[in-house]
């Protein structure tokens, strides 16, 4: 698990400084969570206490992995909230589910009682017993929403705004869990057969910011394939950091309980910055490589520069192939040699064309067959911008090898016009790509068309 960005033998996960102050007092009891603000009128509701962090988990569970989301809430209960960190969640399930139908919101407190099979990672397609699910959670919903479309951007915006207002904090981490498809979007909802596009997610996060007056610090994807240049660029104004994986995830995804415990421990030592929190997620994922083969934390202010350098690379390659058409074969070969993803999924037509962007640029820069100084310069610029933007990354095994934190879509047979998501719905990747900010801002889609056999 060695980062190619660095010469040491450890993942690129910067370490926090030593504790800076004495431990904070023990978390208040549930009844003491709120304190009155100064000058509050007699009899008015107490103002909620501002903590260091609020973690908002958006479990879009109207699908085949719905039961795993209940297990993940159960795992969060093993650590729960404290005086520094709030943990809240929205779980969406089918409206006819026997257990927690529709949408339900939770404030998650610590419960140490063990539930049989609680820690047993089960394949997502293998349903748990109804009785086990009913007994798995100690937390009771603080709100029940009825039938809820979790793929609707208004639903996400409403949840984020609700969580930030009800459980205020200096910093906010929003985590989306479901299926993920890179630029195609996330999450799904099987009842409406829709996947939230990354354009829609960007609008949702902007709406939440308008409703609260605050920007989310980190948006994380406990899903497959969302650590992508196209996704980062679309969400460049939605948060300070993006944390996601280039590769697919396995059950049960992120080690969320260990992440929250690490956050709580560090927050007791002193203020925990957004960058440090993002690095914690990557660090804990590096110890859970049965579920996460790659993970990276990307500073979103660098997404513009990654897009600009990628545009320059596309421009240089287009000019090279226009001047020397025979170079197209060499460029295509270099693309095909670049590390890609989803290889464990048979007959996958879309995501196997997601390739590590740094590795692609490195292959182009080091190729003896390409003499163009413009291509070399642009490729080196892409590599440098990724180094600057990726504040932590990890990768493991053959699936993760060759990963540096950011993937990009680059098929060599052109765009595909039809793809079936886990909802069973047919979507058009070609149209969805062209609708992205990345395609509008760069020549990458023109390069994809030019590379077509």
Protein backbone atom coordinates (compact mmCIF):
# COMPACT_ATOMS: atom_id res chain seq x y z
CA UNK A 1 0.00 0.00 0.00
CA UNK A 2 2.62 2.54 -1.17
CA UNK A 3 1.65 5.88 -2.65
CA UNK A 4 3.39 6.51 -6.00
CA UNK A 5 3.27 10.22 -5.15
CA UNK A 6 5.85 9.69 -2.39
CA UNK A 7 9.07 7.77 -1.97
CA UNK A 8 8.47 6.31 1.49
CA UNK A 9 6.88 2.96 2.23
CA UNK A 10 3.67 4.24 3.77
CA UNK A 11 0.39 5.53 2.36
CA UNK A 12 0.33 9.29 1.90
CA UNK A 13 -1.64 10.06 5.08
CA UNK A 14 -0.22 13.11 6.93
CA UNK A 15 -0.28 12.76 10.71
CA UNK A 16 -1.88 15.15 13.18
CA UNK A 17 0.20 17.10 15.65
CA UNK A 18 0.43 16.00 19.27
CA UNK A 19 -2.48 16.97 21.56
CA UNK A 20 -2.62 20.68 22.13
CA UNK A 21 -4.74 20.97 25.26
CA UNK A 22 -6.28 19.03 28.08
CA UNK A 23 -9.10 16.63 27.30
CA UNK A 24 -12.55 18.12 27.08
CA UNK A 25 -15.08 17.23 29.75
CA UNK A 26 -17.27 14.19 29.34
CA UNK A 27 -20.21 14.56 26.95
CA UNK A 28 -23.39 15.86 28.59
CA UNK A 29 -26.34 13.57 29.02
CA UNK A 30 -29.05 13.69 26.31
CA UNK A 31 -31.20 15.93 28.45
CA UNK A 32 -28.33 18.44 28.83
CA UNK A 33 -27.46 18.70 25.12
CA UNK A 34 -28.87 22.23 24.82
CA UNK A 35 -27.89 25.35 26.78
CA UNK A 36 -29.69 28.70 26.80
CA UNK A 37 -28.04 31.55 24.90
CA UNK A 38 -27.32 34.85 26.61
CA UNK A 39 -30.25 37.22 26.69
CA UNK A 40 -32.72 34.50 25.87
CA UNK A 41 -36.29 35.42 26.73
CA UNK A 42 -37.84 33.47 29.63
CA UNK A 43 -39.77 30.46 28.42
CA UNK A 44 -38.23 30.45 24.91
CA UNK A 45 -36.67 27.22 23.59
CA UNK A 46 -33.02 26.74 24.58
CA UNK A 47 -30.44 27.36 21.86
CA UNK A 48 -28.53 24.25 20.77
CA UNK A 49 -24.91 24.08 21.82
CA UNK A 50 -22.36 24.47 19.00
CA UNK A 51 -19.95 21.56 18.90
CA UNK A 52 -16.75 21.02 16.95
CA UNK A 53 -18.16 18.70 14.24
CA UNK A 54 -21.47 17.37 12.96
CA UNK A 55 -21.43 14.18 10.87
CA UNK A 56 -24.51 13.82 8.65
CA UNK A 57 -24.92 10.38 7.07
CA UNK A 58 -27.32 10.19 4.12
CA UNK A 59 -28.26 6.51 3.77
CA UNK A 60 -30.09 6.19 0.44
CA UNK A 61 -31.41 2.70 1.10
CA UNK A 62 -34.31 2.06 -1.24
CA UNK A 63 -32.33 -0.70 -2.94
CA UNK A 64 -30.57 -4.04 -2.50
CA UNK A 65 -28.08 -2.72 0.11
CA UNK A 66 -30.73 -1.25 2.37
CA UNK A 67 -30.17 -3.78 5.17
CA UNK A 68 -26.47 -3.00 5.24
CA UNK A 69 -27.34 0.62 6.01
CA UNK A 70 -29.17 -0.44 9.17
CA UNK A 71 -26.04 -2.37 10.13
CA UNK A 72 -23.94 0.73 9.55
CA UNK A 73 -26.19 2.81 11.83
CA UNK A 74 -25.81 0.04 14.40
CA UNK A 75 -22.02 0.30 14.07
CA UNK A 76 -22.25 4.08 14.55
CA UNK A 77 -24.14 3.47 17.78
CA UNK A 78 -21.02 1.77 19.15
CA UNK A 79 -19.37 5.22 19.29
CA UNK A 80 -22.26 7.71 19.02
CA UNK A 81 -22.22 11.44 19.65
CA UNK A 82 -20.39 13.25 22.44
CA UNK A 83 -19.65 16.78 23.63
CA UNK A 84 -17.51 17.52 20.56
CA UNK A 85 -19.13 15.56 17.74
CA UNK A 86 -22.77 15.19 16.70
CA UNK A 87 -23.72 12.15 14.62
CA UNK A 88 -27.06 12.23 12.78
CA UNK A 89 -28.44 10.23 9.89
CA UNK A 90 -31.28 9.98 7.44
CA UNK A 91 -32.22 6.48 6.33
CA UNK A 92 -34.45 6.02 3.30
CA UNK A 93 -36.05 2.62 2.66
CA UNK A 94 -38.86 1.33 0.50
CA UNK A 95 -42.25 2.64 1.58
CA UNK A 96 -43.52 -0.93 2.08
CA UNK A 97 -40.55 -2.15 4.18
CA UNK A 98 -41.43 -4.11 7.31
CA UNK A 99 -38.58 -2.38 9.14
CA UNK A 100 -38.35 1.44 9.13
CA UNK A 101 -40.34 2.14 5.95
CA UNK A 102 -39.88 5.44 4.11
CA UNK A 103 -37.58 8.15 5.42
CA UNK A 104 -36.43 8.33 9.04
CA UNK A 105 -33.99 10.66 10.78
CA UNK A 106 -31.84 9.72 13.76
CA UNK A 107 -29.64 11.42 16.31
CA UNK A 108 -27.15 8.70 17.14
CA UNK A 109 -26.04 8.29 20.72
CA UNK A 110 -23.65 5.73 22.10
CA UNK A 111 -25.00 2.28 22.91
CA UNK A 112 -22.53 -0.43 23.84
CA UNK A 113 -24.93 -3.39 23.93
CA UNK A 114 -23.88 -5.93 21.31
CA UNK A 115 -26.41 -7.24 18.83
CA UNK A 116 -25.89 -10.75 17.43
CA UNK A 117 -24.28 -10.57 13.98
CA UNK A 118 -23.87 -6.81 14.36
CA UNK A 119 -20.28 -6.86 13.15
CA UNK A 120 -20.82 -9.66 10.63
CA UNK A 121 -20.16 -8.23 7.14
CA UNK A 122 -22.86 -9.73 4.95
CA UNK A 123 -23.07 -9.59 1.22
CA UNK A 124 -25.45 -6.77 0.28
CA UNK A 125 -27.61 -9.06 -1.82
CA UNK A 126 -28.16 -11.42 1.13
CA UNK A 127 -31.04 -10.07 3.18
CA UNK A 128 -30.98 -10.14 6.97
CA UNK A 129 -33.89 -11.57 8.91
CA UNK A 130 -36.66 -9.10 9.69
CA UNK A 131 -36.36 -9.87 13.40
CA UNK A 132 -32.62 -9.21 13.41
CA UNK A 133 -33.12 -5.86 11.70
CA UNK A 134 -35.89 -4.89 14.12
CA UNK A 135 -33.61 -5.57 17.08
CA UNK A 136 -30.44 -4.12 15.63
CA UNK A 137 -30.93 -0.42 16.42
CA UNK A 138 -31.23 1.20 19.84
CA UNK A 139 -31.77 4.66 18.35
CA UNK A 140 -35.35 5.69 17.67
CA UNK A 141 -36.24 8.07 14.83
CA UNK A 142 -36.41 11.71 15.85
CA UNK A 143 -38.45 12.34 12.69
CA UNK A 144 -40.37 10.06 10.34
CA UNK A 145 -40.89 11.47 6.86
CA UNK A 146 -43.09 8.90 5.13
CA UNK A 147 -42.32 7.87 1.53
CA UNK A 148 -39.10 9.64 0.57
CA UNK A 149 -37.28 9.94 -2.75
CA UNK A 150 -33.64 9.85 -1.68
CA UNK A 151 -32.46 10.62 -5.24
CA UNK A 152 -34.25 13.98 -5.18
CA UNK A 153 -31.76 16.83 -4.62
CA UNK A 154 -34.34 18.69 -2.52
CA UNK A 155 -34.41 15.73 -0.12
CA UNK A 156 -30.64 15.90 0.33
CA UNK A 157 -30.66 19.69 0.69
CA UNK A 158 -33.42 19.53 3.30
CA UNK A 159 -31.58 16.88 5.32
CA UNK A 160 -28.27 18.76 5.28
CA UNK A 161 -29.96 22.03 6.30
CA UNK A 162 -31.95 20.23 9.02
CA UNK A 163 -28.84 18.61 10.44
CA UNK A 164 -26.77 21.80 10.41
CA UNK A 165 -29.52 23.80 12.13
CA UNK A 166 -30.63 21.19 14.66
CA UNK A 167 -27.13 20.03 15.58
CA UNK A 168 -24.94 23.11 15.00
CA UNK A 169 -21.18 22.87 14.87
CA UNK A 170 -18.12 24.67 13.59
CA UNK A 171 -17.59 22.03 10.89
CA UNK A 172 -19.83 19.65 8.94
CA UNK A 173 -19.09 16.33 7.25
CA UNK A 174 -21.81 15.05 4.90
CA UNK A 175 -21.51 11.40 3.82
CA UNK A 176 -23.66 9.89 1.07
CA UNK A 177 -24.01 6.11 1.05
CA UNK A 178 -25.44 4.12 -1.83
CA UNK A 179 -24.36 2.97 -5.28
CA UNK A 180 -22.07 5.39 -7.10
CA UNK A 181 -21.27 5.70 -10.80
CA UNK A 182 -18.71 8.50 -11.06
CA UNK A 183 -19.84 11.33 -13.34
CA UNK A 184 -23.14 9.48 -13.86
CA UNK A 185 -24.09 10.33 -10.29
CA UNK A 186 -25.21 9.02 -6.89
CA UNK A 187 -27.42 8.09 -5.03
CA UNK A 188 -30.21 5.91 -6.47
CA UNK A 189 -33.84 5.43 -5.55
CA UNK A 190 -35.42 2.22 -6.79
CA UNK A 191 -39.04 3.33 -6.37
CA UNK A 192 -38.68 6.29 -8.73
CA UNK A 193 -35.87 4.63 -10.76
CA UNK A 194 -33.71 7.73 -10.71
CA UNK A 195 -30.06 8.46 -9.89
CA UNK A 196 -29.19 11.93 -8.61
CA UNK A 197 -26.84 13.53 -11.15
CA UNK A 198 -23.71 15.31 -9.98
CA UNK A 199 -25.28 18.52 -11.35
CA UNK A 200 -28.28 17.92 -9.10
CA UNK A 201 -26.04 17.18 -6.12
CA UNK A 202 -24.19 20.43 -6.67
CA UNK A 203 -27.52 22.28 -6.68
CA UNK A 204 -28.58 20.45 -3.50
CA UNK A 205 -25.46 21.48 -1.63
CA UNK A 206 -25.84 25.09 -2.82
CA UNK A 207 -29.45 25.09 -1.61
CA UNK A 208 -28.38 23.77 1.79
CA UNK A 209 -25.80 26.55 1.97
CA UNK A 210 -28.46 29.14 1.14
CA UNK A 211 -30.71 27.74 3.86
CA UNK A 212 -28.01 27.72 6.54
CA UNK A 213 -25.57 30.43 5.50
CA UNK A 214 -22.73 27.91 5.87
CA UNK A 215 -20.78 25.76 3.45
CA UNK A 216 -20.20 22.10 4.22
CA UNK A 217 -16.56 21.35 5.05
CA UNK A 218 -16.38 17.84 3.58
CA UNK A 219 -18.60 15.87 1.26
CA UNK A 220 -17.80 12.17 1.36
CA UNK A 221 -19.07 9.33 -0.79
CA UNK A 222 -19.42 5.97 0.94
CA UNK A 223 -20.09 4.64 -2.55
CA UNK A 224 -18.16 3.33 -5.52
CA UNK A 225 -16.15 5.31 -8.05
CA UNK A 226 -16.77 8.95 -7.07
CA UNK A 227 -13.12 10.13 -6.70
CA UNK A 228 -13.19 11.50 -10.22
CA UNK A 229 -12.01 14.74 -11.82
CA UNK A 230 -15.46 15.31 -13.31
CA UNK A 231 -17.15 14.89 -9.91
CA UNK A 232 -14.65 17.12 -8.10
CA UNK A 233 -15.07 19.89 -10.65
CA UNK A 234 -18.87 19.75 -10.45
CA UNK A 235 -18.72 19.94 -6.64
CA UNK A 236 -15.90 22.50 -6.49
CA UNK A 237 -18.14 25.07 -4.76
CA UNK A 238 -20.16 22.56 -2.70
CA UNK A 239 -17.62 21.87 0.04
CA UNK A 240 -14.02 22.38 1.06
CA UNK A 241 -12.95 18.75 0.52
CA UNK A 242 -14.10 15.66 -1.36
CA UNK A 243 -13.39 12.22 0.12
CA UNK A 244 -14.17 9.22 -2.09
CA UNK A 245 -12.74 6.13 -3.78
CA UNK A 246 -11.61 5.64 -7.37
CA UNK A 247 -12.45 1.93 -7.21
CA UNK A 248 -15.61 0.08 -6.26
CA UNK A 249 -16.41 -0.54 -2.58
CA UNK A 250 -17.21 -3.85 -0.93
CA UNK A 251 -19.62 -4.45 1.97
CA UNK A 252 -19.81 -2.65 4.30
CA UNK A 253 -17.90 0.27 2.80
CA UNK A 254 -16.33 2.89 5.05
CA UNK A 255 -15.31 1.95 8.63
CA UNK A 256 -17.60 4.72 9.87
CA UNK A 257 -17.46 3.85 13.58
CA UNK A 258 -13.65 3.94 13.62
CA UNK A 259 -13.68 7.22 11.68
CA UNK A 260 -16.07 8.87 14.17
CA UNK A 261 -14.13 7.51 17.15
CA UNK A 262 -10.91 8.90 15.67
CA UNK A 263 -12.62 12.27 15.13
CA UNK A 264 -13.90 12.32 18.72
CA UNK A 265 -10.49 11.42 20.15
CA UNK A 266 -8.70 14.10 18.13
CA UNK A 267 -11.37 16.74 18.82
CA UNK A 268 -10.75 16.24 22.54
CA UNK A 269 -7.10 17.20 21.97
CA UNK A 270 -7.99 20.50 20.29
CA UNK A 271 -9.69 21.98 17.22
CA UNK A 272 -9.94 19.46 14.39
CA UNK A 273 -9.60 21.08 10.97
CA UNK A 274 -11.43 19.96 7.84
CA UNK A 275 -8.19 18.78 6.24
CA UNK A 276 -7.27 16.75 9.31
CA UNK A 277 -10.73 15.19 9.36
CA UNK A 278 -10.48 14.28 5.67
CA UNK A 279 -7.11 12.67 6.36
CA UNK A 280 -8.62 10.66 9.22
CA UNK A 281 -11.14 9.10 6.82
CA UNK A 282 -8.33 8.04 4.48
CA UNK A 283 -6.19 6.75 7.34
CA UNK A 284 -8.96 4.60 8.81
CA UNK A 285 -9.83 3.31 5.33
CA UNK A 286 -6.23 2.17 4.94
CA UNK A 287 -6.92 -0.26 7.82
CA UNK A 288 -10.11 -1.58 6.20
CA UNK A 289 -8.87 -2.72 2.82
CA UNK A 290 -11.30 -5.63 2.70
CA UNK A 291 -13.96 -2.99 2.00
CA UNK A 292 -12.06 -0.05 0.49
CA UNK A 293 -9.23 -0.68 -1.95
CA UNK A 294 -8.62 3.04 -2.57
CA UNK A 295 -9.52 6.27 -0.80
CA UNK A 296 -8.47 9.86 -1.33
CA UNK A 297 -9.09 13.30 0.12
CA UNK A 298 -9.08 16.12 -2.41
CA UNK A 299 -8.96 19.84 -1.65
CA UNK A 300 -11.73 21.13 -3.88
CA UNK A 301 -10.11 24.51 -4.43
CA UNK A 302 -7.68 22.54 -6.60
CA UNK A 303 -10.42 21.15 -8.86
CA UNK A 304 -10.28 24.23 -11.12
CA UNK A 305 -6.55 23.80 -11.66
CA UNK A 306 -6.86 20.08 -12.32
CA UNK A 307 -9.54 20.84 -14.93
CA UNK A 308 -7.43 23.59 -16.52
CA UNK A 309 -4.33 21.40 -16.76
CA UNK A 310 -6.42 18.50 -18.09
CA UNK A 311 -7.86 20.83 -20.72
CA UNK A 312 -4.32 21.82 -21.75
CA UNK A 313 -3.41 18.13 -22.02
CA UNK A 314 -6.44 17.39 -24.20
CA UNK A 315 -5.63 20.41 -26.38
CA UNK A 316 -2.01 19.30 -26.83
CA UNK A 317 -3.03 15.75 -27.71
CA UNK A 318 -5.66 16.92 -30.20
CA UNK A 319 -3.09 19.13 -31.94
CA UNK A 320 -0.53 16.32 -31.98
CA UNK A 321 -2.98 13.85 -33.55
CA UNK A 322 -4.15 16.47 -36.07
CA UNK A 323 -0.57 17.08 -37.19
CA UNK A 324 0.41 13.41 -37.05
CA UNK A 325 -2.64 11.09 -37.37
CA UNK A 326 -0.51 7.99 -36.78
CA UNK A 327 0.02 9.14 -33.18
CA UNK A 328 -3.58 8.23 -32.38
CA UNK A 329 -2.63 4.54 -32.12
CA UNK A 330 0.18 5.30 -29.66
CA UNK A 331 -2.05 7.54 -27.50
CA UNK A 332 -4.77 4.88 -27.45
CA UNK A 333 -2.20 2.26 -26.40
CA UNK A 334 -0.98 4.47 -23.55
CA UNK A 335 -4.56 4.97 -22.39
CA UNK A 336 -5.18 1.21 -22.41
CA UNK A 337 -2.03 0.66 -20.31
CA UNK A 338 -3.25 3.09 -17.64
CA UNK A 339 -4.67 1.61 -14.43
CA UNK A 340 -8.46 1.27 -14.59
CA UNK A 341 -11.30 0.14 -12.34
CA UNK A 342 -14.29 -2.21 -12.04
CA UNK A 343 -12.37 -5.16 -13.44
CA UNK A 344 -14.07 -7.50 -10.94
CA UNK A 345 -17.46 -6.72 -12.54
CA UNK A 346 -17.97 -8.89 -15.65
CA UNK A 347 -19.08 -7.14 -18.84
CA UNK A 348 -18.99 -3.68 -17.24
CA UNK A 349 -19.30 -1.23 -20.16
CA UNK A 350 -18.88 2.15 -18.47
CA UNK A 351 -16.71 2.11 -15.37
CA UNK A 352 -13.86 0.03 -16.79
CA UNK A 353 -13.05 3.18 -18.77
CA UNK A 354 -12.47 5.10 -15.53
CA UNK A 355 -8.67 5.42 -15.32
CA UNK A 356 -6.28 7.02 -12.87
CA UNK A 357 -5.57 10.52 -14.18
CA UNK A 358 -2.10 10.84 -12.66
CA UNK A 359 -1.03 7.49 -14.12
CA UNK A 360 -2.35 8.51 -17.55
CA UNK A 361 -0.40 11.78 -17.45
CA UNK A 362 2.70 9.92 -16.24
CA UNK A 363 2.45 7.45 -19.14
CA UNK A 364 2.15 10.31 -21.63
CA UNK A 365 5.01 12.30 -20.08
CA UNK A 366 7.41 9.32 -20.02
CA UNK A 367 6.56 7.89 -23.45
CA UNK A 368 9.55 7.75 -25.76
CA UNK A 369 7.22 7.80 -28.74
CA UNK A 370 5.82 11.26 -27.94
CA UNK A 371 8.26 14.06 -28.69
CA UNK A 372 5.77 16.93 -28.36
CA UNK A 373 6.99 19.38 -25.66
CA UNK A 374 3.42 20.68 -25.32
CA UNK A 375 2.11 17.21 -24.41
CA UNK A 376 4.99 16.61 -21.98
CA UNK A 377 4.51 19.98 -20.29
CA UNK A 378 0.75 19.59 -20.00
CA UNK A 379 1.06 16.04 -18.64
CA UNK A 380 3.55 17.16 -16.00
CA UNK A 381 1.20 20.00 -15.05
CA UNK A 382 -1.65 17.51 -14.52
CA UNK A 383 0.58 15.43 -12.25
CA UNK A 384 1.66 18.49 -10.28
CA UNK A 385 -1.90 19.76 -9.77
CA UNK A 386 -3.02 16.35 -8.50
CA UNK A 387 -0.09 16.31 -6.05
CA UNK A 388 -1.15 19.73 -4.80
CA UNK A 389 -4.85 18.93 -4.45
CA UNK A 390 -4.74 15.40 -2.99
CA UNK A 391 -4.03 15.84 0.73
CA UNK A 392 -4.20 12.10 1.51
CA UNK A 393 -4.64 8.89 -0.44
CA UNK A 394 -4.35 5.16 0.06
CA UNK A 395 -4.53 2.14 -2.20
CA UNK A 396 -4.22 -1.59 -1.66
CA UNK A 397 -3.58 -4.69 -3.72
CA UNK A 398 -3.93 -5.21 -7.43
CA UNK A 399 -7.23 -3.34 -7.63
CA UNK A 400 -5.75 -0.24 -6.02
CA UNK A 401 -2.28 -0.36 -7.57
CA UNK A 402 -1.58 2.54 -9.91
CA UNK A 403 -4.05 4.79 -8.08
CA UNK A 404 -3.12 8.31 -7.05
CA UNK A 405 -6.46 9.71 -5.88
CA UNK A 406 -8.27 11.02 -8.97
CA UNK A 407 -9.75 9.09 -11.89
CA UNK A 408 -11.13 10.33 -15.21
CA UNK A 409 -13.42 8.91 -17.89
CA UNK A 410 -11.47 8.09 -21.06
CA UNK A 411 -12.97 5.38 -23.29
CA UNK A 412 -11.10 4.42 -26.46
CA UNK A 413 -14.25 3.31 -28.29
CA UNK A 414 -16.20 6.52 -27.85
CA UNK A 415 -19.11 7.42 -25.59
CA UNK A 416 -21.84 4.88 -24.91
CA UNK A 417 -25.46 5.98 -25.21
CA UNK A 418 -27.15 3.50 -22.90
CA UNK A 419 -26.32 2.17 -19.44
CA UNK A 420 -28.46 0.37 -16.89
CA UNK A 421 -28.06 1.46 -13.27
CA UNK A 422 -28.81 -0.66 -10.21
CA UNK A 423 -32.35 0.74 -10.24
CA UNK A 424 -32.95 -0.96 -13.60
CA UNK A 425 -33.33 2.42 -15.31
CA UNK A 426 -31.65 3.16 -18.63
CA UNK A 427 -29.57 6.35 -18.68
CA UNK A 428 -27.50 7.97 -21.41
CA UNK A 429 -23.87 8.46 -20.26
CA UNK A 430 -23.03 10.46 -23.39
CA UNK A 431 -25.74 13.05 -22.70
CA UNK A 432 -24.97 13.15 -18.99
CA UNK A 433 -21.26 13.70 -19.61
CA UNK A 434 -21.86 16.56 -22.05
CA UNK A 435 -24.16 18.18 -19.46
CA UNK A 436 -21.38 18.27 -16.86
CA UNK A 437 -19.42 21.41 -16.05
CA UNK A 438 -16.20 19.50 -16.78
CA UNK A 439 -17.22 18.78 -20.38
CA UNK A 440 -18.29 22.39 -20.86
CA UNK A 441 -15.06 23.76 -19.43
CA UNK A 442 -12.56 21.42 -21.13
CA UNK A 443 -11.77 19.71 -24.41
CA UNK A 444 -11.85 16.29 -22.77
CA UNK A 445 -15.06 15.21 -24.52
CA UNK A 446 -13.53 16.24 -27.86
CA UNK A 447 -10.49 14.11 -27.05
CA UNK A 448 -12.75 11.12 -26.27
CA UNK A 449 -14.42 11.52 -29.67
CA UNK A 450 -11.04 11.78 -31.42
CA UNK A 451 -9.71 8.61 -29.77
CA UNK A 452 -12.67 6.58 -30.98
CA UNK A 453 -11.59 3.61 -33.09
